Amino acid sequence: MKKLFMAFICCSLLFSANFSFAEEAQFPKNEPINYLIPFSPGGESDLFARLQQPYVVLPCLLQLLIQ
């Protein structure tokens, strides 16, 4: 039982060390964010997306395109 526990600990340390050296994603890329609304303009979904726009643009410092 002790060998099984030690094997489990060793495997978990190896897997956790492997994921800790992962490369960070290159986001944001200075490209605008496309926010696609699949419904007609002027509807509730469009209005809600336009209300969210200032809260997305300020922290990211990117342009948000609502289409």
N, C-alpha and C. Protein backbone atom coordinates (compact mmCIF):
# COMPACT_ATOMS: atom_id res chain seq x y z
N MET A 1 0.83 -1.20 0.00
CA MET A 1 0.00 0.00 0.00
C MET A 1 0.87 1.26 0.00
N LYS A 2 2.00 1.16 0.71
CA LYS A 2 2.88 2.31 0.79
C LYS A 2 3.53 2.59 -0.58
N LYS A 3 3.86 1.55 -1.32
CA LYS A 3 4.45 1.73 -2.65
C LYS A 3 3.45 2.34 -3.61
N LEU A 4 2.19 1.93 -3.50
CA LEU A 4 1.14 2.50 -4.36
C LEU A 4 0.96 3.98 -4.06
N PHE A 5 0.99 4.33 -2.78
CA PHE A 5 0.84 5.74 -2.40
C PHE A 5 2.01 6.56 -2.92
N MET A 6 3.23 6.05 -2.79
CA MET A 6 4.40 6.77 -3.27
C MET A 6 4.39 6.91 -4.80
N ALA A 7 3.91 5.88 -5.49
CA ALA A 7 3.79 5.96 -6.95
C ALA A 7 2.79 7.03 -7.34
N PHE A 8 1.69 7.10 -6.60
CA PHE A 8 0.68 8.12 -6.87
C PHE A 8 1.25 9.52 -6.66
N ILE A 9 2.00 9.72 -5.58
CA ILE A 9 2.60 11.02 -5.29
C ILE A 9 3.61 11.40 -6.37
N CYS A 10 4.43 10.46 -6.79
CA CYS A 10 5.43 10.74 -7.84
C CYS A 10 4.76 11.11 -9.16
N CYS A 11 3.73 10.38 -9.53
CA CYS A 11 3.03 10.68 -10.78
C CYS A 11 2.34 12.03 -10.72
N SER A 12 1.74 12.34 -9.60
CA SER A 12 1.06 13.63 -9.49
C SER A 12 2.06 14.78 -9.53
N LEU A 13 3.23 14.61 -8.94
CA LEU A 13 4.26 15.65 -9.01
C LEU A 13 4.78 15.83 -10.43
N LEU A 14 4.95 14.73 -11.16
CA LEU A 14 5.42 14.83 -12.54
C LEU A 14 4.41 15.54 -13.42
N PHE A 15 3.13 15.22 -13.26
CA PHE A 15 2.11 15.86 -14.08
C PHE A 15 1.95 17.33 -13.73
N SER A 16 2.03 17.66 -12.44
CA SER A 16 1.87 19.07 -12.06
C SER A 16 3.07 19.89 -12.53
N ALA A 17 4.26 19.31 -12.50
CA ALA A 17 5.44 20.03 -12.98
C ALA A 17 5.36 20.24 -14.48
N ASN A 18 4.79 19.29 -15.20
CA ASN A 18 4.67 19.40 -16.64
C ASN A 18 3.76 20.56 -17.03
N PHE A 19 2.67 20.75 -16.31
CA PHE A 19 1.72 21.80 -16.65
C PHE A 19 2.17 23.17 -16.16
N SER A 20 3.06 23.22 -15.21
CA SER A 20 3.49 24.52 -14.69
C SER A 20 4.41 25.25 -15.66
N PHE A 21 5.04 24.54 -16.59
CA PHE A 21 5.92 25.18 -17.55
C PHE A 21 5.24 25.46 -18.89
N ALA A 22 3.93 25.43 -18.90
CA ALA A 22 3.19 25.69 -20.14
C ALA A 22 3.38 27.15 -20.56
N GLU A 23 3.41 27.38 -21.85
CA GLU A 23 3.59 28.73 -22.37
C GLU A 23 2.29 29.49 -22.27
N GLU A 24 2.38 30.76 -21.94
CA GLU A 24 1.19 31.59 -21.83
C GLU A 24 0.64 31.89 -23.22
N ALA A 25 -0.66 32.06 -23.29
CA ALA A 25 -1.31 32.41 -24.56
C ALA A 25 -0.98 33.85 -24.93
N GLN A 26 -0.93 34.12 -26.20
CA GLN A 26 -0.60 35.45 -26.69
C GLN A 26 -1.88 36.26 -26.90
N PHE A 27 -2.61 36.50 -25.85
CA PHE A 27 -3.84 37.28 -25.92
C PHE A 27 -3.68 38.48 -25.03
N PRO A 28 -4.09 39.61 -25.41
CA PRO A 28 -4.69 40.09 -26.64
C PRO A 28 -3.64 40.44 -27.68
N LYS A 29 -4.02 40.43 -28.94
CA LYS A 29 -3.11 40.65 -30.06
C LYS A 29 -3.28 42.01 -30.72
N ASN A 30 -3.94 42.93 -30.12
CA ASN A 30 -4.24 44.24 -30.70
C ASN A 30 -5.19 44.13 -31.88
N GLU A 31 -5.95 43.07 -31.93
CA GLU A 31 -7.00 42.92 -32.94
C GLU A 31 -8.34 43.16 -32.25
N PRO A 32 -9.31 43.71 -32.97
CA PRO A 32 -10.62 43.93 -32.35
C PRO A 32 -11.32 42.61 -32.04
N ILE A 33 -12.14 42.63 -31.02
CA ILE A 33 -12.91 41.47 -30.62
C ILE A 33 -14.23 41.50 -31.38
N ASN A 34 -14.55 40.43 -32.09
CA ASN A 34 -15.82 40.35 -32.82
C ASN A 34 -16.87 39.69 -31.93
N TYR A 35 -17.94 40.41 -31.68
CA TYR A 35 -19.04 39.93 -30.84
C TYR A 35 -20.23 39.73 -31.77
N LEU A 36 -20.49 38.49 -32.13
CA LEU A 36 -21.53 38.18 -33.10
C LEU A 36 -22.87 37.95 -32.41
N ILE A 37 -23.87 38.70 -32.84
CA ILE A 37 -25.23 38.54 -32.32
C ILE A 37 -26.05 37.89 -33.42
N PRO A 38 -26.56 36.68 -33.20
CA PRO A 38 -27.26 35.96 -34.27
C PRO A 38 -28.71 36.40 -34.49
N PHE A 39 -29.13 37.45 -33.79
CA PHE A 39 -30.51 37.90 -33.92
C PHE A 39 -30.56 39.27 -34.58
N SER A 40 -31.76 39.76 -34.86
CA SER A 40 -31.92 41.02 -35.60
C SER A 40 -31.42 42.22 -34.78
N PRO A 41 -30.93 43.25 -35.48
CA PRO A 41 -30.47 44.45 -34.78
C PRO A 41 -31.63 45.16 -34.10
N GLY A 42 -31.34 45.75 -32.97
CA GLY A 42 -32.36 46.48 -32.22
C GLY A 42 -33.12 45.61 -31.25
N GLY A 43 -32.83 44.34 -31.22
CA GLY A 43 -33.52 43.43 -30.30
C GLY A 43 -32.86 43.45 -28.92
N GLU A 44 -33.36 42.58 -28.06
CA GLU A 44 -32.87 42.53 -26.70
C GLU A 44 -31.41 42.06 -26.63
N SER A 45 -31.03 41.11 -27.47
CA SER A 45 -29.65 40.62 -27.49
C SER A 45 -28.69 41.72 -27.94
N ASP A 46 -29.09 42.48 -28.95
CA ASP A 46 -28.27 43.57 -29.45
C ASP A 46 -28.12 44.66 -28.39
N LEU A 47 -29.19 44.99 -27.73
CA LEU A 47 -29.17 46.01 -26.68
C LEU A 47 -28.27 45.56 -25.52
N PHE A 48 -28.39 44.32 -25.11
CA PHE A 48 -27.59 43.81 -24.01
C PHE A 48 -26.10 43.80 -24.37
N ALA A 49 -25.77 43.46 -25.62
CA ALA A 49 -24.37 43.47 -26.07
C ALA A 49 -23.81 44.88 -26.05
N ARG A 50 -24.61 45.85 -26.46
CA ARG A 50 -24.15 47.23 -26.48
C ARG A 50 -24.02 47.79 -25.06
N LEU A 51 -24.79 47.28 -24.13
CA LEU A 51 -24.64 47.69 -22.73
C LEU A 51 -23.37 47.10 -22.11
N GLN A 52 -22.96 45.93 -22.58
CA GLN A 52 -21.75 45.29 -22.08
C GLN A 52 -20.48 45.89 -22.66
N GLN A 53 -20.59 46.54 -23.80
CA GLN A 53 -19.42 47.02 -24.54
C GLN A 53 -18.45 47.87 -23.70
N PRO A 54 -18.90 48.87 -22.94
CA PRO A 54 -17.92 49.67 -22.19
C PRO A 54 -17.18 48.86 -21.13
N TYR A 55 -17.81 47.83 -20.58
CA TYR A 55 -17.17 47.04 -19.54
C TYR A 55 -16.16 46.05 -20.10
N VAL A 56 -16.25 45.74 -21.38
CA VAL A 56 -15.28 44.86 -22.03
C VAL A 56 -14.12 45.67 -22.59
N VAL A 57 -14.41 46.84 -23.13
CA VAL A 57 -13.40 47.66 -23.81
C VAL A 57 -12.41 48.25 -22.81
N LEU A 58 -12.86 48.74 -21.68
CA LEU A 58 -11.97 49.42 -20.74
C LEU A 58 -10.89 48.51 -20.16
N PRO A 59 -11.19 47.33 -19.62
CA PRO A 59 -10.10 46.51 -19.07
C PRO A 59 -9.17 45.95 -20.13
N CYS A 60 -9.69 45.63 -21.30
CA CYS A 60 -8.87 44.99 -22.34
C CYS A 60 -8.12 46.00 -23.19
N LEU A 61 -8.59 47.22 -23.25
CA LEU A 61 -8.03 48.26 -24.13
C LEU A 61 -8.03 47.82 -25.58
N LEU A 62 -9.06 47.11 -25.98
CA LEU A 62 -9.25 46.67 -27.35
C LEU A 62 -10.60 47.15 -27.86
N GLN A 63 -10.74 47.19 -29.16
CA GLN A 63 -12.00 47.59 -29.77
C GLN A 63 -12.92 46.38 -29.83
N LEU A 64 -14.21 46.59 -29.54
CA LEU A 64 -15.21 45.54 -29.57
C LEU A 64 -16.17 45.82 -30.72
N LEU A 65 -16.21 44.93 -31.70
CA LEU A 65 -17.10 45.08 -32.85
C LEU A 65 -18.33 44.22 -32.62
N ILE A 66 -19.49 44.86 -32.57
CA ILE A 66 -20.75 44.13 -32.41
C ILE A 66 -21.38 43.99 -33.78
N GLN A 67 -21.52 42.75 -34.22
CA GLN A 67 -22.05 42.48 -35.56
C GLN A 67 -23.30 41.66 -35.45
